[in-house]
């Protein structure tokens, strides 16, 4: 999926996605001038995030 698709799909901002790429947490693919993010890799990143604590 494109960066814009990844933003819409995940709710993660465009700047944050590029930061994750720079940090090596997501590996982009290039198709011509388009930057693509593998859906399964994005899903795995989201699953790796810590659970939100419930309010007590």
N, C-alpha and C. Protein backbone atom coordinates (compact mmCIF):
# COMPACT_ATOMS: atom_id res chain seq x y z
N UNK A 1 0.84 -1.17 0.00
CA UNK A 1 0.00 0.00 0.00
C UNK A 1 0.89 1.23 0.00
N UNK A 2 0.37 2.32 -0.54
CA UNK A 2 1.14 3.57 -0.57
C UNK A 2 1.19 4.17 0.84
N UNK A 3 2.01 5.17 1.01
CA UNK A 3 2.07 5.88 2.30
C UNK A 3 0.70 6.44 2.65
N UNK A 4 0.04 7.07 1.68
CA UNK A 4 -1.30 7.63 1.96
C UNK A 4 -2.29 6.55 2.34
N UNK A 5 -2.22 5.39 1.69
CA UNK A 5 -3.08 4.26 2.05
C UNK A 5 -2.77 3.78 3.47
N UNK A 6 -1.47 3.73 3.81
CA UNK A 6 -1.06 3.28 5.14
C UNK A 6 -1.55 4.23 6.22
N UNK A 7 -1.54 5.53 5.93
CA UNK A 7 -2.05 6.53 6.87
C UNK A 7 -3.54 6.28 7.12
N UNK A 8 -4.31 6.11 6.04
CA UNK A 8 -5.75 5.89 6.17
C UNK A 8 -6.04 4.55 6.85
N UNK A 9 -5.29 3.53 6.54
CA UNK A 9 -5.49 2.19 7.07
C UNK A 9 -5.18 2.10 8.56
N UNK A 10 -4.08 2.74 8.98
CA UNK A 10 -3.58 2.55 10.34
C UNK A 10 -3.93 3.67 11.30
N UNK A 11 -4.18 4.87 10.76
CA UNK A 11 -4.39 6.02 11.63
C UNK A 11 -3.08 6.63 12.11
N UNK A 12 -1.97 6.09 11.64
CA UNK A 12 -0.65 6.63 11.97
C UNK A 12 -0.37 7.76 10.99
N UNK A 13 0.15 8.86 11.47
CA UNK A 13 0.40 10.02 10.62
C UNK A 13 1.53 9.78 9.62
N UNK A 14 1.49 10.53 8.55
CA UNK A 14 2.48 10.43 7.48
C UNK A 14 3.90 10.65 8.00
N UNK A 15 4.09 11.66 8.83
CA UNK A 15 5.42 11.95 9.38
C UNK A 15 5.91 10.80 10.24
N UNK A 16 5.02 10.25 11.05
CA UNK A 16 5.39 9.11 11.92
C UNK A 16 5.75 7.89 11.08
N UNK A 17 5.02 7.64 10.00
CA UNK A 17 5.35 6.50 9.14
C UNK A 17 6.75 6.66 8.55
N UNK A 18 7.07 7.86 8.07
CA UNK A 18 8.42 8.09 7.53
C UNK A 18 9.47 7.95 8.64
N UNK A 19 9.14 8.35 9.86
CA UNK A 19 10.06 8.18 10.99
C UNK A 19 10.30 6.69 11.26
N UNK A 20 9.24 5.89 11.21
CA UNK A 20 9.37 4.44 11.42
C UNK A 20 10.24 3.81 10.33
N UNK A 21 10.12 4.30 9.10
CA UNK A 21 10.98 3.83 8.01
C UNK A 21 12.42 4.20 8.31
N UNK A 22 12.66 5.45 8.70
CA UNK A 22 14.02 5.91 9.00
C UNK A 22 14.65 5.12 10.14
N UNK A 23 13.83 4.75 11.13
CA UNK A 23 14.32 3.98 12.28
C UNK A 23 14.48 2.49 11.97
N UNK A 24 14.04 2.07 10.79
CA UNK A 24 14.17 0.66 10.41
C UNK A 24 13.06 -0.22 10.94
N UNK A 25 12.01 0.38 11.49
CA UNK A 25 10.91 -0.42 12.02
C UNK A 25 9.93 -0.84 10.93
N UNK A 26 9.93 -0.15 9.81
CA UNK A 26 9.18 -0.54 8.62
C UNK A 26 10.15 -0.48 7.44
N UNK A 27 10.05 -1.45 6.54
CA UNK A 27 10.92 -1.50 5.38
C UNK A 27 10.10 -1.16 4.14
N UNK A 28 10.33 0.03 3.56
CA UNK A 28 9.55 0.41 2.39
C UNK A 28 10.05 -0.30 1.14
N UNK A 29 9.19 -0.40 0.17
CA UNK A 29 9.53 -0.90 -1.17
C UNK A 29 9.31 0.25 -2.14
N UNK A 30 10.04 0.26 -3.22
CA UNK A 30 9.88 1.31 -4.22
C UNK A 30 9.34 0.70 -5.51
N UNK A 31 8.37 1.39 -6.11
CA UNK A 31 7.85 1.04 -7.42
C UNK A 31 7.84 2.34 -8.20
N UNK A 32 8.88 2.54 -8.98
CA UNK A 32 9.04 3.83 -9.65
C UNK A 32 9.27 4.90 -8.59
N UNK A 33 8.40 5.91 -8.58
CA UNK A 33 8.52 6.98 -7.58
C UNK A 33 7.65 6.73 -6.36
N UNK A 34 6.88 5.65 -6.38
CA UNK A 34 5.96 5.36 -5.27
C UNK A 34 6.67 4.60 -4.16
N UNK A 35 6.42 5.01 -2.94
CA UNK A 35 6.92 4.31 -1.76
C UNK A 35 5.78 3.44 -1.23
N UNK A 36 6.05 2.16 -1.09
CA UNK A 36 5.03 1.21 -0.67
C UNK A 36 5.40 0.59 0.67
N UNK A 37 4.39 0.36 1.48
CA UNK A 37 4.54 -0.31 2.77
C UNK A 37 3.79 -1.63 2.67
N UNK A 38 4.44 -2.72 3.10
CA UNK A 38 3.80 -4.03 3.08
C UNK A 38 2.77 -4.09 4.21
N UNK A 39 1.54 -4.45 3.86
CA UNK A 39 0.44 -4.46 4.83
C UNK A 39 0.75 -5.35 6.02
N UNK A 40 1.28 -6.53 5.77
CA UNK A 40 1.57 -7.47 6.86
C UNK A 40 2.62 -6.90 7.81
N UNK A 41 3.59 -6.16 7.27
CA UNK A 41 4.62 -5.56 8.11
C UNK A 41 4.04 -4.45 8.98
N UNK A 42 3.15 -3.65 8.41
CA UNK A 42 2.48 -2.60 9.17
C UNK A 42 1.61 -3.21 10.26
N UNK A 43 0.87 -4.28 9.92
CA UNK A 43 0.05 -4.96 10.91
C UNK A 43 0.90 -5.51 12.06
N UNK A 44 2.05 -6.10 11.72
CA UNK A 44 2.95 -6.65 12.74
C UNK A 44 3.47 -5.54 13.65
N UNK A 45 3.81 -4.39 13.08
CA UNK A 45 4.27 -3.26 13.90
C UNK A 45 3.16 -2.84 14.87
N UNK A 46 1.95 -2.71 14.37
CA UNK A 46 0.84 -2.28 15.22
C UNK A 46 0.59 -3.31 16.32
N UNK A 47 0.64 -4.59 15.99
CA UNK A 47 0.45 -5.63 17.01
C UNK A 47 1.55 -5.61 18.07
N UNK A 48 2.75 -5.12 17.70
CA UNK A 48 3.87 -5.10 18.65
C UNK A 48 3.78 -3.95 19.64
N UNK A 49 2.89 -3.01 19.39
CA UNK A 49 2.76 -1.87 20.31
C UNK A 49 2.19 -2.33 21.64
N UNK A 50 2.56 -1.68 22.73
CA UNK A 50 2.05 -2.09 24.04
C UNK A 50 0.53 -1.86 24.14
N UNK A 51 -0.10 -2.71 24.93
CA UNK A 51 -1.52 -2.57 25.18
C UNK A 51 -1.77 -1.30 26.00
N UNK A 52 -2.89 -0.68 25.73
CA UNK A 52 -3.29 0.50 26.49
C UNK A 52 -3.82 0.05 27.84
N UNK A 53 -3.37 0.69 28.89
CA UNK A 53 -3.85 0.36 30.24
C UNK A 53 -5.26 0.89 30.41
N UNK A 54 -6.11 0.12 31.04
CA UNK A 54 -7.46 0.61 31.27
C UNK A 54 -7.46 1.62 32.42
N UNK A 55 -8.35 2.58 32.31
CA UNK A 55 -8.45 3.61 33.37
C UNK A 55 -9.05 2.97 34.63
N UNK A 56 -8.46 3.28 35.75
CA UNK A 56 -8.94 2.69 37.01
C UNK A 56 -9.76 3.69 37.79
